[in-house]
Protein backbone atom coordinates (compact mmCIF):
# COMPACT_ATOMS: atom_id res chain seq x y z
CA SER A 1 8.59 36.13 36.49
CA LEU A 2 8.16 33.16 34.15
CA ARG A 3 11.38 31.49 35.30
CA VAL A 4 9.83 29.08 37.78
CA GLN A 5 10.24 25.32 38.04
CA SER A 6 6.84 24.18 39.30
CA THR A 7 4.25 23.47 36.60
CA VAL A 8 1.40 24.93 38.67
CA ASP A 9 3.44 28.04 39.53
CA ALA A 10 4.40 28.42 35.85
CA LEU A 11 0.73 28.27 34.82
CA THR A 12 -0.09 30.92 37.42
CA ALA A 13 2.73 33.17 36.15
CA LEU A 14 1.64 32.71 32.53
CA LYS A 15 -1.94 33.54 33.50
CA ASP A 16 -0.94 36.61 35.50
CA GLY A 17 1.28 37.82 32.67
CA GLY A 18 -1.53 37.52 30.11
CA TYR A 19 0.19 34.81 28.10
CA VAL A 20 -2.57 32.31 28.89
CA GLY A 21 -6.23 33.21 29.40
CA ARG A 22 -7.59 33.03 32.95
CA ASP A 23 -10.14 30.32 32.11
CA ASP A 24 -7.55 28.35 30.14
CA GLY A 25 -5.04 28.63 32.97
CA ALA A 26 -7.58 27.52 35.57
CA ASN A 27 -8.69 24.56 33.44
CA LEU A 28 -5.12 23.45 32.79
CA THR A 29 -4.23 23.71 36.49
CA ALA A 30 -7.29 21.71 37.57
CA SER A 31 -6.63 19.07 34.90
CA TYR A 32 -2.96 18.82 35.86
CA GLU A 33 -3.76 18.36 39.54
CA PHE A 34 -6.40 15.70 38.78
CA LEU A 35 -4.05 13.68 36.57
CA ARG A 36 -1.24 14.01 39.14
CA LEU A 37 -3.59 12.72 41.82
CA LEU A 38 -4.40 9.60 39.79
CA GLU A 39 -0.72 9.06 38.99
CA HIS A 40 0.30 9.27 42.66
CA ARG A 41 -2.47 6.88 43.76
CA LEU A 42 -1.37 4.32 41.15
CA GLN A 43 2.26 4.62 42.26
CA LEU A 44 1.32 4.14 45.90
CA GLN A 45 -0.66 0.99 45.13
CA ARG A 46 2.47 -1.14 44.70
CA LEU A 47 5.17 1.46 45.40
CA LYS A 48 6.16 1.24 41.73
CA ARG A 49 6.86 4.07 39.31
CA THR A 50 4.15 4.06 36.67
CA HIS A 51 2.32 6.55 34.46
CA LEU A 52 -0.26 4.15 32.98
CA LEU A 53 -3.94 4.34 33.79
CA PRO A 54 -5.76 1.00 33.88
CA ALA A 55 -7.99 0.14 30.94
CA LEU A 56 -11.35 1.87 31.33
CA ASP A 57 -13.13 -1.50 31.01
CA ASP A 58 -11.03 -3.05 33.81
CA GLU A 59 -13.76 -3.00 36.44
CA GLU A 60 -11.67 -4.09 39.42
CA ALA A 61 -8.75 -1.72 38.76
CA MET A 62 -11.04 1.24 38.05
CA ARG A 63 -13.08 0.57 41.23
CA TRP A 64 -9.88 0.59 43.30
CA LEU A 65 -8.64 3.81 41.69
CA ALA A 66 -12.02 5.51 42.18
CA ARG A 67 -11.93 4.70 45.90
CA ALA A 68 -8.28 5.76 46.23
CA ALA A 69 -9.02 9.08 44.48
CA HIS A 70 -12.07 9.66 46.74
CA MET A 71 -14.52 9.77 43.83
CA ARG A 72 -18.20 9.89 44.85
CA PRO A 73 -21.38 8.73 43.12
CA ASP A 74 -23.33 11.53 41.45
CA GLY A 75 -26.83 10.13 41.88
CA GLU A 76 -26.97 8.56 38.41
CA HIS A 77 -23.65 6.70 38.28
CA ASP A 78 -21.48 4.91 40.77
CA ALA A 79 -18.01 6.19 41.69
CA THR A 80 -16.30 4.01 39.10
CA GLN A 81 -18.38 5.39 36.22
CA VAL A 82 -17.91 8.95 37.52
CA LEU A 83 -14.13 8.39 37.36
CA ARG A 84 -14.36 7.07 33.79
CA ASP A 85 -16.40 10.09 32.68
CA GLU A 86 -14.01 12.50 34.38
CA ILE A 87 -10.95 10.92 32.75
CA ARG A 88 -12.55 11.26 29.33
CA ARG A 89 -13.62 14.85 30.02
CA VAL A 90 -10.20 15.91 31.30
CA SER A 91 -8.40 14.21 28.41
CA SER A 92 -10.59 15.98 25.84
CA ARG A 93 -10.18 19.33 27.61
CA VAL A 94 -6.39 19.08 27.79
CA ARG A 95 -6.18 18.10 24.12
CA ARG A 96 -8.21 21.17 23.11
CA MET A 97 -6.02 23.42 25.26
CA HIS A 98 -2.83 21.91 23.88
CA GLU A 99 -4.05 22.40 20.34
CA LYS A 100 -5.11 25.98 21.03
CA LEU A 101 -1.96 27.08 22.85
CA PHE A 102 0.68 25.11 20.99
CA TYR A 103 -0.48 25.10 17.35
CA ARG A 104 -2.73 28.13 16.98
CA PRO A 105 0.15 30.66 17.42
CA LEU A 106 1.81 29.16 14.35
CA LEU A 107 -1.20 30.22 12.32
CA ASP A 108 -1.29 33.60 14.07
CA ALA A 109 2.31 34.10 13.00
CA VAL A 110 1.46 33.83 9.32
CA THR A 111 -1.83 35.76 9.28
CA ARG A 112 -2.43 39.48 9.60
CA PHE A 113 -3.38 41.00 12.95
CA GLU A 114 -3.49 44.45 14.41
CA SER A 115 -0.05 45.60 15.50
CA ASP A 116 -0.96 45.71 19.18
CA GLU A 117 -2.04 42.07 19.26
CA LEU A 118 0.37 39.51 20.68
CA ARG A 119 1.69 36.93 18.19
CA LEU A 120 4.76 34.79 17.55
CA SER A 121 7.64 36.32 15.67
CA ASP A 122 8.96 34.44 12.62
CA THR A 123 11.93 33.30 14.69
CA ALA A 124 9.70 31.95 17.45
CA ALA A 125 7.44 30.23 14.91
CA VAL A 126 10.45 28.56 13.30
CA ARG A 127 11.62 27.33 16.70
CA ARG A 128 8.20 25.91 17.46
CA LEU A 129 8.02 24.10 14.12
CA ALA A 130 11.46 22.66 14.80
CA ALA A 131 10.19 21.42 18.18
CA LEU A 132 7.34 19.68 16.35
CA GLY A 133 9.86 17.67 14.35
CA TYR A 134 10.20 19.71 11.15
CA SER A 135 13.79 19.52 9.90
CA LYS A 136 13.30 22.56 7.63
CA PRO A 137 11.02 24.82 9.68
CA GLU A 138 11.62 27.87 7.48
CA ASN A 139 10.15 26.00 4.52
CA ALA A 140 7.26 24.76 6.66
CA LEU A 141 6.47 28.33 7.71
CA GLY A 142 6.38 29.32 4.04
CA HIS A 143 3.90 26.50 3.31
CA LEU A 144 1.67 27.69 6.16
CA ARG A 145 1.70 31.24 4.82
CA ALA A 146 0.72 30.02 1.36
CA LEU A 147 -2.11 27.84 2.69
CA VAL A 148 -3.77 30.42 4.95
CA SER A 149 -3.43 33.20 2.38
CA ALA A 150 -5.67 31.37 -0.09
CA ALA A 151 -8.42 33.60 -1.44
CA GLY A 152 -11.88 33.68 0.07
CA ARG A 153 -13.30 30.95 2.24
CA ARG A 154 -10.51 28.50 1.40
CA GLY A 155 -8.02 30.45 3.50
CA GLN A 156 -10.48 30.65 6.40
CA ILE A 157 -11.08 26.90 6.36
CA GLN A 158 -7.34 26.27 6.17
CA GLU A 159 -6.81 28.48 9.21
CA LEU A 160 -9.42 26.42 11.05
CA LEU A 161 -7.97 23.07 9.97
CA LEU A 162 -4.22 23.57 10.18
CA PRO A 163 -3.72 23.46 13.97
CA THR A 164 -5.09 19.93 14.05
CA LEU A 165 -3.44 18.91 10.76
CA LEU A 166 -0.05 20.11 12.02
CA GLU A 167 -0.41 17.96 15.11
CA TRP A 168 -1.22 14.86 13.06
CA LEU A 169 1.61 15.58 10.63
CA ALA A 170 4.03 15.92 13.54
CA GLY A 171 3.41 12.25 14.35
CA THR A 172 4.33 10.99 10.85
CA PRO A 173 7.78 9.83 9.71
CA ASP A 174 8.39 12.95 7.59
CA PRO A 175 6.38 16.03 8.66
CA ASP A 176 8.24 18.28 6.19
CA ALA A 177 7.28 16.14 3.21
CA GLY A 178 3.78 15.73 4.60
CA LEU A 179 3.15 19.47 4.80
CA LEU A 180 4.64 20.01 1.34
CA ASN A 181 2.48 17.20 -0.07
CA TYR A 182 -0.58 18.75 1.55
CA ARG A 183 0.17 22.12 -0.02
CA LYS A 184 0.77 20.53 -3.44
CA LEU A 185 -2.44 18.52 -3.13
CA CYS A 186 -4.43 21.65 -2.25
CA ASP A 187 -2.96 23.46 -5.26
CA ALA A 188 -3.58 20.50 -7.60
CA ILE A 189 -7.26 20.13 -6.69
CA ILE A 190 -8.09 23.77 -6.07
CA ASP A 191 -11.26 23.37 -8.16
CA ARG A 192 -12.64 20.56 -5.94
CA GLU A 193 -14.79 22.49 -3.50
CA TRP A 194 -15.70 19.35 -1.56
CA PHE A 195 -12.11 18.68 -0.48
CA LEU A 196 -11.66 21.17 2.38
CA ARG A 197 -15.26 20.69 3.51
CA LEU A 198 -14.62 16.95 3.76
CA LEU A 199 -11.51 17.52 5.89
CA ARG A 200 -13.41 19.95 8.11
CA ASP A 201 -16.48 17.75 8.60
CA GLU A 202 -14.84 14.30 8.72
CA GLY A 203 -11.99 14.26 11.21
CA VAL A 204 -11.11 10.64 10.41
CA VAL A 205 -10.53 11.58 6.76
CA ALA A 206 -8.19 14.42 7.70
CA GLN A 207 -6.23 12.26 10.13
CA ARG A 208 -5.85 9.40 7.64
CA LEU A 209 -4.85 11.78 4.87
CA MET A 210 -2.16 13.41 7.01
CA THR A 211 -0.80 9.97 7.93
CA VAL A 212 -0.54 9.04 4.25
CA LEU A 213 0.95 12.38 3.16
CA GLY A 214 3.61 12.25 5.86
CA SER A 215 4.49 8.60 5.28
CA SER A 216 4.73 8.19 1.49
CA ALA A 217 6.12 9.91 -1.57
CA TYR A 218 4.33 7.43 -3.86
CA VAL A 219 0.70 7.94 -2.83
CA PRO A 220 0.47 11.78 -2.84
CA GLU A 221 1.43 11.87 -6.52
CA LEU A 222 -1.38 9.41 -7.27
CA LEU A 223 -3.89 11.35 -5.17
CA MET A 224 -3.13 14.57 -7.04
CA ARG A 225 -4.25 12.82 -10.24
CA ALA A 226 -7.01 10.73 -8.63
CA PRO A 227 -8.36 12.95 -5.81
CA ASP A 228 -11.74 11.22 -5.63
CA VAL A 229 -10.00 8.39 -3.76
CA ILE A 230 -9.83 10.74 -0.76
CA ARG A 231 -13.62 10.44 -0.49
CA MET A 232 -13.05 6.76 0.33
CA TYR A 233 -11.09 7.65 3.49
CA VAL A 234 -14.42 7.86 5.35
CA ASP A 235 -15.93 5.00 7.33
CA GLY A 236 -18.91 3.18 5.89
CA ALA A 237 -21.47 0.95 7.57
CA ASN A 238 -19.07 -2.00 7.50
CA GLY A 239 -15.83 -0.17 8.29
CA PRO A 240 -13.36 1.87 6.21
CA ARG A 241 -14.57 2.37 2.65
CA LEU A 242 -11.00 2.00 1.39
CA ILE A 243 -11.30 -1.77 1.78
CA GLU A 244 -14.89 -2.16 0.58
CA PRO A 245 -14.25 -2.65 -3.20
CA ASP A 246 -13.95 -6.26 -4.33
CA PRO A 247 -10.90 -6.80 -6.61
CA ASP A 248 -12.99 -8.80 -9.09
CA ASP A 249 -15.60 -6.03 -9.35
CA THR A 250 -12.85 -3.45 -9.80
CA ALA A 251 -11.30 -5.54 -12.58
CA LYS A 252 -14.66 -5.80 -14.36
CA GLY A 253 -15.14 -2.03 -14.12
CA LEU A 254 -11.68 -1.39 -15.50
CA ARG A 255 -12.28 -3.66 -18.50
CA ALA A 256 -15.70 -2.10 -19.09
CA SER A 257 -14.21 1.40 -19.14
CA GLY A 258 -11.73 0.37 -21.81
CA ALA A 259 -14.40 -1.35 -23.90
CA ARG A 260 -16.19 1.98 -24.40
CA HIS A 261 -13.39 3.19 -26.69
CA SER A 262 -12.64 1.87 -30.16
CA ASP A 263 -9.18 3.46 -30.24
CA PRO A 264 -6.67 1.28 -28.29
CA LYS A 265 -4.77 4.36 -27.06
CA ARG A 266 -7.90 5.86 -25.55
CA ALA A 267 -8.97 2.51 -24.11
CA ILE A 268 -5.61 2.06 -22.41
CA ALA A 269 -5.68 5.69 -21.20
CA ALA A 270 -9.03 4.96 -19.53
CA ALA A 271 -7.59 1.79 -18.00
CA ARG A 272 -4.56 3.74 -16.75
CA SER A 273 -6.87 6.27 -15.07
CA LEU A 274 -8.78 3.59 -13.17
CA ARG A 275 -5.54 1.76 -12.35
CA ARG A 276 -4.15 5.01 -10.93
CA ALA A 277 -7.15 5.36 -8.63
CA GLU A 278 -6.98 1.71 -7.61
CA LEU A 279 -3.25 1.96 -6.82
CA ALA A 280 -3.96 5.03 -4.69
CA ARG A 281 -6.72 3.16 -2.85
CA ILE A 282 -4.63 0.02 -2.24
CA ALA A 283 -1.54 1.95 -1.16
CA SER A 284 -3.57 4.20 1.16
CA ALA A 285 -5.19 1.20 2.84
CA ASP A 286 -1.77 -0.46 3.07
CA ILE A 287 -0.14 2.52 4.79
CA LEU A 288 -3.08 2.86 7.18
CA GLY A 289 -2.78 -0.81 8.17
CA MET A 290 -6.14 -1.85 6.72
CA LEU A 291 -4.75 -4.56 4.40
CA ASP A 292 -2.25 -7.30 5.16
CA VAL A 293 0.56 -8.28 2.77
CA PRO A 294 -1.28 -11.09 0.92
CA GLU A 295 -4.34 -8.86 0.41
CA VAL A 296 -2.17 -6.08 -1.03
CA CYS A 297 -0.45 -8.53 -3.40
CA ARG A 298 -3.74 -10.05 -4.59
CA ALA A 299 -5.25 -6.62 -5.24
CA LEU A 300 -2.21 -5.42 -7.19
CA SER A 301 -2.15 -8.64 -9.25
CA SER A 302 -5.86 -8.29 -10.04
CA VAL A 303 -5.32 -4.72 -11.31
CA TRP A 304 -2.41 -5.78 -13.52
CA ALA A 305 -4.44 -8.64 -15.02
CA ALA A 306 -7.34 -6.27 -15.72
CA VAL A 307 -5.03 -3.81 -17.49
CA LEU A 308 -3.60 -6.63 -19.63
CA ASN A 309 -7.11 -7.78 -20.51
CA THR A 310 -8.17 -4.25 -21.45
CA ALA A 311 -5.12 -3.70 -23.63
CA LEU A 312 -5.46 -7.08 -25.36
CA ASP A 313 -9.22 -6.67 -25.96
CA SER A 314 -8.82 -3.17 -27.41
CA VAL A 315 -5.92 -4.07 -29.72
CA ILE A 316 -7.70 -7.20 -31.01
CA ALA A 317 -10.95 -5.25 -31.56
CA ALA A 318 -9.08 -2.55 -33.53
CA SER A 319 -7.31 -5.20 -35.62
CA ILE A 320 -10.57 -6.96 -36.44
CA ALA A 321 -12.13 -3.65 -37.51
CA GLU A 322 -9.10 -2.89 -39.68
CA ARG A 323 -9.05 -6.35 -41.26
CA GLY A 324 -12.76 -6.31 -41.94
CA GLY A 325 -12.97 -9.93 -40.88
CA PRO A 326 -12.63 -12.23 -37.87
CA ALA A 327 -9.39 -12.74 -36.00
CA PRO A 328 -7.28 -15.63 -37.37
CA ALA A 329 -6.42 -16.87 -33.87
CA ARG A 330 -7.37 -16.90 -30.24
CA ILE A 331 -4.82 -15.41 -27.83
CA ALA A 332 -4.20 -16.08 -24.15
CA VAL A 333 -1.78 -14.35 -21.80
CA ILE A 334 -0.21 -16.59 -19.17
CA GLY A 335 1.04 -14.89 -16.02
CA MET A 336 4.45 -16.00 -14.81
CA GLY A 337 6.50 -15.24 -11.72
CA ARG A 338 4.77 -13.13 -9.08
CA LEU A 339 1.94 -12.22 -11.46
CA GLY A 340 1.13 -15.88 -11.96
CA GLY A 341 1.27 -16.44 -8.22
CA GLY A 342 -1.00 -13.46 -7.49
CA GLU A 343 1.80 -11.93 -5.41
CA LEU A 344 2.77 -8.74 -7.25
CA GLY A 345 4.28 -5.79 -5.40
CA TYR A 346 4.05 -2.09 -6.19
CA GLY A 347 7.29 -2.13 -8.20
CA SER A 348 6.76 -5.45 -9.99
CA ASP A 349 6.54 -5.76 -13.76
CA ALA A 350 4.39 -8.41 -15.48
CA ASP A 351 6.16 -11.62 -16.52
CA VAL A 352 4.03 -13.29 -19.21
CA LEU A 353 3.85 -15.82 -22.02
CA PHE A 354 1.71 -15.22 -25.13
CA VAL A 355 -0.11 -18.26 -26.53
CA CYS A 356 -2.18 -18.41 -29.71
CA GLN A 357 -4.40 -21.02 -31.32
CA PRO A 358 -5.25 -20.78 -35.05
CA VAL A 359 -8.96 -20.66 -35.81
CA ALA A 360 -8.49 -22.58 -39.09
CA ALA A 361 -6.56 -25.79 -39.68
CA GLY A 362 -3.43 -26.19 -41.80
CA ASP A 363 0.17 -25.02 -41.82
CA GLU A 364 -0.58 -21.86 -43.76
CA ALA A 365 -3.36 -20.91 -41.33
CA GLU A 366 -0.98 -21.43 -38.41
CA THR A 367 1.65 -19.23 -40.03
CA VAL A 368 -0.88 -16.45 -40.56
CA ALA A 369 -2.24 -16.86 -37.02
CA VAL A 370 1.18 -16.72 -35.35
CA LYS A 371 2.23 -13.70 -37.40
CA TRP A 372 -0.99 -11.87 -36.51
CA ALA A 373 -0.67 -12.81 -32.82
CA ASN A 374 2.93 -11.52 -32.75
CA THR A 375 1.69 -8.18 -34.10
CA ILE A 376 -1.00 -8.03 -31.41
CA ALA A 377 1.46 -8.91 -28.62
CA GLU A 378 3.98 -6.30 -29.78
CA GLN A 379 1.28 -3.62 -29.87
CA VAL A 380 0.11 -4.54 -26.38
CA ARG A 381 3.65 -4.34 -24.98
CA SER A 382 4.33 -1.08 -26.82
CA LEU A 383 1.12 0.67 -25.75
CA LEU A 384 1.44 -0.39 -22.11
CA GLY A 385 5.12 0.54 -22.04
CA THR A 386 4.53 4.07 -23.35
CA PRO A 387 6.06 6.53 -20.83
CA SER A 388 3.55 8.39 -18.68
CA LEU A 389 3.25 10.10 -15.29
CA ASP A 390 1.76 6.92 -13.83
CA PRO A 391 3.76 4.00 -12.40
CA PRO A 392 5.22 2.00 -15.32
CA LEU A 393 3.43 -0.89 -17.05
CA GLU A 394 6.25 -3.14 -18.25
CA VAL A 395 5.33 -6.45 -19.88
CA ASP A 396 8.28 -8.86 -19.74
CA ALA A 397 8.19 -12.01 -21.91
CA GLY A 398 11.74 -13.09 -21.03
CA LEU A 399 10.60 -16.40 -19.50
CA ARG A 400 9.34 -17.75 -22.84
CA PRO A 401 11.00 -20.78 -24.48
CA GLU A 402 14.57 -19.98 -25.53
CA GLY A 403 14.36 -16.78 -23.50
CA ARG A 404 14.67 -13.46 -25.29
CA ASN A 405 16.03 -15.22 -28.37
CA GLY A 406 12.80 -17.17 -28.90
CA PRO A 407 9.66 -16.00 -30.71
CA LEU A 408 7.38 -13.71 -28.71
CA VAL A 409 4.27 -15.78 -29.48
CA ARG A 410 3.93 -19.52 -30.10
CA SER A 411 0.96 -21.67 -30.92
CA LEU A 412 -0.27 -24.15 -28.32
CA ALA A 413 1.10 -27.04 -30.41
CA SER A 414 4.50 -25.35 -30.63
CA TYR A 415 4.67 -24.90 -26.85
CA GLN A 416 3.69 -28.53 -26.37
CA ALA A 417 6.37 -29.79 -28.75
CA TYR A 418 9.06 -27.55 -27.26
CA TYR A 419 8.43 -28.43 -23.62
CA LYS A 420 8.23 -32.14 -24.48
CA GLN A 421 11.63 -32.24 -26.21
CA TRP A 422 13.73 -29.22 -25.28
CA ALA A 423 12.61 -27.80 -21.93
CA GLN A 424 15.54 -26.75 -19.76
CA PRO A 425 15.41 -27.11 -15.94
CA TRP A 426 15.03 -23.32 -15.48
CA GLU A 427 12.11 -23.29 -17.93
CA ILE A 428 10.39 -26.14 -16.10
CA GLN A 429 10.89 -24.32 -12.82
CA ALA A 430 9.43 -21.10 -14.29
CA LEU A 431 6.29 -22.98 -15.34
CA LEU A 432 5.48 -23.72 -11.70
CA ARG A 433 4.04 -20.21 -11.43
CA ALA A 434 2.22 -20.17 -14.79
CA HIS A 435 -1.43 -19.14 -14.52
CA GLN A 436 -4.03 -17.83 -16.96
CA VAL A 437 -4.49 -14.06 -16.44
CA ALA A 438 -5.78 -12.48 -19.67
CA GLY A 439 -7.24 -13.20 -23.08
CA ASP A 440 -9.03 -16.40 -24.05
CA ASN A 441 -9.68 -18.31 -20.82
CA GLU A 442 -10.38 -21.62 -22.55
CA LEU A 443 -7.09 -21.47 -24.44
CA GLY A 444 -5.29 -20.48 -21.25
CA LEU A 445 -6.64 -23.51 -19.41
CA GLU A 446 -5.66 -25.77 -22.33
CA PHE A 447 -2.12 -24.43 -22.07
CA LEU A 448 -2.02 -25.14 -18.33
CA HIS A 449 -3.16 -28.73 -18.90
CA VAL A 450 -0.45 -29.14 -21.54
CA ILE A 451 2.35 -27.94 -19.24
CA ASP A 452 1.17 -29.92 -16.20
CA LYS A 453 3.06 -32.98 -17.48
CA THR A 454 6.21 -30.88 -17.74
CA ARG A 455 6.08 -28.94 -14.46
CA TYR A 456 4.76 -31.84 -12.38
CA PRO A 457 6.76 -34.74 -13.91
CA GLU A 458 5.80 -38.29 -13.03
CA GLY A 459 8.11 -39.49 -10.28
CA GLY A 460 9.51 -35.99 -9.74
CA ILE A 461 12.69 -34.54 -11.20
CA ASP A 462 15.83 -36.66 -11.18
CA ALA A 463 19.06 -36.02 -9.29
CA ALA A 464 20.73 -34.48 -12.34
CA ALA A 465 17.97 -31.88 -12.64
CA VAL A 466 18.26 -31.08 -8.93
CA ARG A 467 22.00 -30.50 -9.33
CA GLU A 468 21.38 -28.26 -12.35
CA ILE A 469 18.85 -26.17 -10.44
CA ARG A 470 21.28 -25.76 -7.55
CA ARG A 471 24.01 -24.76 -9.99
CA ILE A 472 21.75 -22.14 -11.56
CA LYS A 473 20.80 -20.80 -8.12
CA ALA A 474 24.47 -20.43 -7.20
CA ARG A 475 25.05 -18.56 -10.46
CA VAL A 476 22.07 -16.29 -9.77
CA ASP A 477 23.46 -15.50 -6.32
CA SER A 478 26.87 -14.56 -7.72
CA GLU A 479 25.89 -12.78 -10.95
CA ARG A 480 22.42 -11.23 -10.70
CA LEU A 481 22.87 -9.15 -7.57
CA PRO A 482 23.22 -5.51 -8.73
CA ARG A 483 26.71 -4.09 -8.52
CA GLY A 484 27.30 -2.42 -5.19
CA ALA A 485 24.19 -3.96 -3.58
CA ASP A 486 24.57 -5.38 -0.09
CA PRO A 487 23.56 -9.08 -0.08
CA ALA A 488 22.55 -8.70 3.55
CA THR A 489 19.85 -6.10 2.74
CA HIS A 490 18.67 -6.87 -0.83
CA THR A 491 15.09 -8.05 -0.33
CA LYS A 492 14.90 -10.15 -3.50
CA LEU A 493 18.35 -11.56 -4.29
CA GLY A 494 20.14 -11.10 -0.96
CA ARG A 495 20.85 -13.80 1.59
CA GLY A 496 17.58 -14.96 3.11
CA GLY A 497 15.59 -12.89 0.60
CA LEU A 498 12.60 -13.71 -1.55
CA SER A 499 14.65 -15.64 -4.10
CA ASP A 500 15.94 -18.08 -1.47
CA ILE A 501 12.42 -18.75 -0.20
CA GLU A 502 10.85 -19.17 -3.64
CA TRP A 503 13.58 -21.47 -4.94
CA THR A 504 13.24 -23.63 -1.82
CA VAL A 505 9.48 -23.94 -2.35
CA GLN A 506 9.81 -24.63 -6.06
CA LEU A 507 12.39 -27.35 -5.53
CA GLU A 508 9.96 -29.10 -3.19
CA GLN A 509 7.25 -28.78 -5.83
CA LEU A 510 9.44 -30.28 -8.54
CA LYS A 511 10.36 -33.20 -6.29
CA TYR A 512 6.96 -34.02 -4.77
CA ALA A 513 4.10 -32.35 -6.74
CA HIS A 514 3.42 -35.65 -8.59
CA LYS A 515 2.60 -37.23 -5.25
CA TYR A 516 0.79 -34.33 -3.53
CA PRO A 517 -1.79 -32.50 -5.71
CA SER A 518 -1.99 -29.78 -3.06
CA LEU A 519 1.44 -28.63 -4.31
CA HIS A 520 -0.11 -27.75 -7.69
CA ASN A 521 -0.29 -24.11 -6.65
CA THR A 522 1.32 -20.96 -8.05
CA SER A 523 1.28 -19.01 -4.75
CA THR A 524 4.41 -19.27 -2.60
CA LEU A 525 2.53 -18.73 0.66
CA GLU A 526 -0.22 -21.23 -0.14
CA THR A 527 2.34 -23.80 -1.32
CA LEU A 528 4.21 -23.42 1.97
CA ASP A 529 0.99 -24.32 3.79
CA ALA A 530 0.65 -27.39 1.55
CA ILE A 531 4.27 -28.37 2.25
CA ALA A 532 3.63 -28.17 5.99
CA GLU A 533 0.41 -30.19 5.66
CA ALA A 534 2.26 -32.89 3.70
CA GLU A 535 5.06 -32.80 6.32
CA LEU A 536 7.74 -32.35 3.67
CA LEU A 537 9.44 -29.77 5.87
CA ASP A 538 9.33 -29.22 9.61
CA ALA A 539 6.38 -27.03 10.64
CA GLU A 540 8.68 -24.64 12.48
CA ASP A 541 10.85 -24.21 9.39
CA VAL A 542 7.78 -23.54 7.26
CA ALA A 543 6.59 -20.92 9.74
CA LYS A 544 9.99 -19.18 9.55
CA LEU A 545 9.92 -19.26 5.74
CA LYS A 546 6.43 -17.71 5.69
CA GLU A 547 7.42 -15.02 8.15
CA ALA A 548 10.55 -14.25 6.12
CA TRP A 549 8.53 -14.05 2.87
CA LEU A 550 5.97 -11.71 4.42
CA THR A 551 8.66 -9.50 5.96
CA ALA A 552 10.70 -9.27 2.74
CA THR A 553 7.61 -8.56 0.62
CA GLU A 554 6.33 -5.92 3.03
CA THR A 555 9.77 -4.29 3.10
CA ARG A 556 10.03 -4.36 -0.68
CA ASN A 557 6.63 -2.70 -0.99
CA ALA A 558 7.54 -0.12 1.64
CA LEU A 559 10.66 0.85 -0.29
CA VAL A 560 8.40 1.83 -3.21
CA LEU A 561 5.81 3.60 -1.05
CA VAL A 562 8.25 5.84 0.79
């Protein structure tokens, strides 16, 4: 009796057979006929196949449709407003019916009922989960059983929530992983009584959380260790709370949390905890489309700089307490590469230089100061590089003078002497992205003033230096690409990747920064704007370079998130 082709006849058969309630069947039939009426009127307007309703704020189109559908004023509203209200009412009613009839049986299949009650068999439930897009429906059914069988009120709330959550998960890239992540999250924060209540009372939080859980393998792990970030999925007075925190305020809070501990290990552990929460917040906002690529990069760079500051402050404070006297030197950490440009990604390490300045004068004082500063820098790198469950904190000083063969820390005078006499073209190029990020700000600015003469040479670099840079770039292209990597898809070193864009920008800086102060910038995107303003490259070419940089950076970040 159910083998009929007409939708209305099928609804009647389902209703007569007791598979759909009489009220539900009548409501679905009336809603179906109303929507079909609107569809047919729209198709007759221009004899064109269409299924799209006009925008509800399109007054002219809605007035025409209201007249064509024979809508009548109701005494308070004109026919056009009556049509708008009816469309909203029917849409809401159909969504509730769909949720009730399509998703609720999945929950009925994994909960206990009296034997004479109608429910899906395990086989039917598996088929329905497969239809929703689950590639491993048997596993998904097991997750549902575990969630609704939770003791006490938790299981009851899960049974209430899951029909809607399943629907939202079905629209994500990986529903299987999303449901597993949700189960793991519920198990990890079982003691947080507010969690399920928040999902029940704030639909926007539940929807955003399901989107994140079904889209990323990176964020769920962070949320399990920083669950309070989920509270920020709500909307505040000025929009989503996920994007309310100011990066500078967050950095200050992170440093303040570390300053409460005299033990460097505990200080860095506190900094790691806040970094974990901040990464979860940034990545969540990124996945939900609340932050653009430059905003994500700036926020990640700010967090890294704050962690470096916390580590350096705590190690120096512990050393001073151990020495029983003042520090023999000031120390600054100079950000290089993407850290210096404020353009870090989720998987980026921190390229840095360590600079020190002796407090006392004399050769012996400088020797003592440099030795002490080397000890501090090694401790900072070691403590931050300690393995943990959090994303790694690798401090790379490979861009220092003489590379990895050179001393880890130099005095300001030593840097000045080296860059004046021995700087190689690649070292000069690396300095274009040098920026003060941690430690003594005054010393950091002094360092930047010292290297300005090197990285922005009077008259620009000569032809020999240009040839050397091009030779190095060719060597990078042939030697640094990982074995087996496809140069057409590698976002950093592949053809048309980030490296090509950044080297192009930096070559323009080396050639023309002496003439255009606007090129004295460590950000690739901002320097591209300056290049266009100075008309050093065609505006269309600059636009393509910016688009390519944004696309490659977004892709590179996405590869970490998923």
